[in-house]
Amino acid sequence: MNREKRKQAQRKRRHYRVRNSVHGTAERPRLAVYRSLKHIYAQVINDDEGRTLVATSTLSKDVDAPKGGNVSAAEAVGTKVAELALAAGIKQVSFDRGYARFHGRVKALADAARKGGLEF
């Protein structure tokens, strides 16, 4: 198995491991974070119904962030997702970091969402 295939398989295993323990309900939906090289995305999802309740990213027009995948952009996305979730009546969420480690941009997004009023 070459290096890229092995890395993809490891990433997939990490993602499955996290998703087996995190599940979004109507009372406590899942805040899923996806981090790419250029952007960061956040969604609040009710897994029971299979519906995305709130979504935002660095590509969204309403996010006032520098374009790109840096920590300040992640903080702006975290603040915006907290604002949208509170407007939708969502106060508590379960945090789903996906395959990414909880540091850097993912941690910055989570801290900004906490500061914005979300509890997890």
Protein backbone atom coordinates (compact mmCIF):
# COMPACT_ATOMS: atom_id res chain seq x y z
CA MET A 1 0.00 0.00 0.00
CA ASN A 2 1.50 3.32 -0.98
CA ARG A 3 1.75 6.28 1.38
CA GLU A 4 -1.31 8.23 0.16
CA LYS A 5 -3.60 5.21 0.33
CA ARG A 6 -2.38 4.39 3.84
CA LYS A 7 -2.93 7.97 4.99
CA GLN A 8 -6.45 7.99 3.51
CA ALA A 9 -7.25 4.71 5.25
CA GLN A 10 -5.97 6.05 8.59
CA ARG A 11 -8.00 9.24 8.17
CA LYS A 12 -11.12 7.20 7.41
CA ARG A 13 -10.58 4.99 10.48
CA ARG A 14 -10.18 8.06 12.71
CA HIS A 15 -13.37 9.57 11.29
CA TYR A 16 -15.37 6.36 11.86
CA ARG A 17 -14.03 6.11 15.42
CA VAL A 18 -15.20 9.64 16.25
CA ARG A 19 -18.57 9.21 14.50
CA ASN A 20 -19.32 6.00 16.42
CA SER A 21 -19.34 7.97 19.67
CA VAL A 22 -20.98 11.23 18.52
CA HIS A 23 -24.64 11.36 17.51
CA GLY A 24 -26.85 14.42 17.03
CA THR A 25 -30.41 14.49 18.34
CA ALA A 26 -33.14 17.11 18.28
CA GLU A 27 -32.25 18.25 21.81
CA ARG A 28 -28.47 18.11 21.25
CA PRO A 29 -27.49 18.23 17.57
CA ARG A 30 -23.99 17.50 16.29
CA LEU A 31 -21.60 20.34 15.40
CA ALA A 32 -19.55 18.78 12.60
CA VAL A 33 -16.33 20.44 11.49
CA TYR A 34 -14.56 19.74 8.21
CA ARG A 35 -11.13 21.20 7.60
CA SER A 36 -9.62 21.35 4.14
CA LEU A 37 -6.35 22.96 3.15
CA LYS A 38 -8.01 26.21 2.03
CA HIS A 39 -11.27 26.43 3.98
CA ILE A 40 -13.08 25.31 7.11
CA TYR A 41 -16.74 24.27 7.28
CA ALA A 42 -19.15 23.86 10.21
CA GLN A 43 -22.62 22.29 10.27
CA VAL A 44 -25.14 21.68 13.02
CA ILE A 45 -26.86 18.39 12.18
CA ASN A 46 -29.82 16.44 13.60
CA ASP A 47 -28.86 12.84 12.84
CA ASP A 48 -32.25 11.43 13.87
CA GLU A 49 -33.96 13.27 11.01
CA GLY A 50 -30.90 13.49 8.77
CA ARG A 51 -31.25 17.29 8.51
CA THR A 52 -28.68 20.04 8.53
CA LEU A 53 -30.06 22.76 10.78
CA VAL A 54 -27.30 25.39 10.42
CA ALA A 55 -24.28 25.56 8.15
CA THR A 56 -21.52 28.05 7.44
CA SER A 57 -17.96 28.14 6.14
CA THR A 58 -15.21 30.46 5.04
CA LEU A 59 -16.89 30.44 1.63
CA SER A 60 -20.11 31.96 3.02
CA LYS A 61 -20.74 35.59 2.11
CA ASP A 62 -22.02 36.42 5.62
CA VAL A 63 -18.82 35.31 7.37
CA ASP A 64 -16.54 38.27 7.91
CA ALA A 65 -13.23 36.44 7.74
CA PRO A 66 -10.05 36.57 5.76
CA LYS A 67 -10.29 34.07 2.95
CA GLY A 68 -8.31 30.93 3.49
CA GLY A 69 -7.70 28.20 6.00
CA ASN A 70 -6.12 30.04 8.90
CA VAL A 71 -6.94 30.35 12.60
CA SER A 72 -8.59 33.77 12.34
CA ALA A 73 -10.92 32.46 9.62
CA ALA A 74 -11.78 29.46 11.82
CA GLU A 75 -12.61 31.79 14.72
CA ALA A 76 -14.92 33.81 12.46
CA VAL A 77 -16.70 30.63 11.31
CA GLY A 78 -17.07 29.47 14.94
CA THR A 79 -18.58 32.79 15.97
CA LYS A 80 -20.98 32.76 13.01
CA VAL A 81 -22.13 29.16 13.54
CA ALA A 82 -22.83 29.95 17.22
CA GLU A 83 -24.83 33.03 16.22
CA LEU A 84 -26.87 31.07 13.65
CA ALA A 85 -27.45 28.16 16.05
CA LEU A 86 -28.66 30.44 18.84
CA ALA A 87 -30.99 32.16 16.37
CA ALA A 88 -32.39 28.70 15.48
CA GLY A 89 -32.95 27.94 19.18
CA ILE A 90 -30.00 25.57 19.59
CA LYS A 91 -27.98 26.04 22.78
CA GLN A 92 -26.29 22.65 23.34
CA VAL A 93 -24.39 20.64 20.72
CA SER A 94 -22.13 17.60 20.52
CA PHE A 95 -18.79 18.45 18.93
CA ASP A 96 -17.67 16.27 16.01
CA ARG A 97 -14.08 16.99 15.02
CA GLY A 98 -14.19 14.39 12.27
CA TYR A 99 -10.75 13.05 11.35
CA ALA A 100 -8.88 16.15 12.55
CA ARG A 101 -7.07 16.47 15.85
CA PHE A 102 -8.47 18.96 18.35
CA HIS A 103 -5.86 21.67 17.93
CA GLY A 104 -5.11 24.58 15.64
CA ARG A 105 -8.01 25.62 13.43
CA VAL A 106 -10.45 23.05 14.83
CA LYS A 107 -9.76 24.19 18.40
CA ALA A 108 -10.04 27.86 17.38
CA LEU A 109 -13.47 27.20 15.83
CA ALA A 110 -14.63 25.31 18.94
CA ASP A 111 -13.41 28.02 21.32
CA ALA A 112 -15.10 30.75 19.27
CA ALA A 113 -18.37 28.77 19.21
CA ARG A 114 -18.18 28.36 23.00
CA LYS A 115 -17.50 32.07 23.40
CA GLY A 116 -20.48 32.74 21.11
CA GLY A 117 -22.82 30.92 23.50
CA LEU A 118 -22.88 27.26 22.47
CA GLU A 119 -22.42 24.60 25.15
CA PHE A 120 -20.53 21.37 24.46
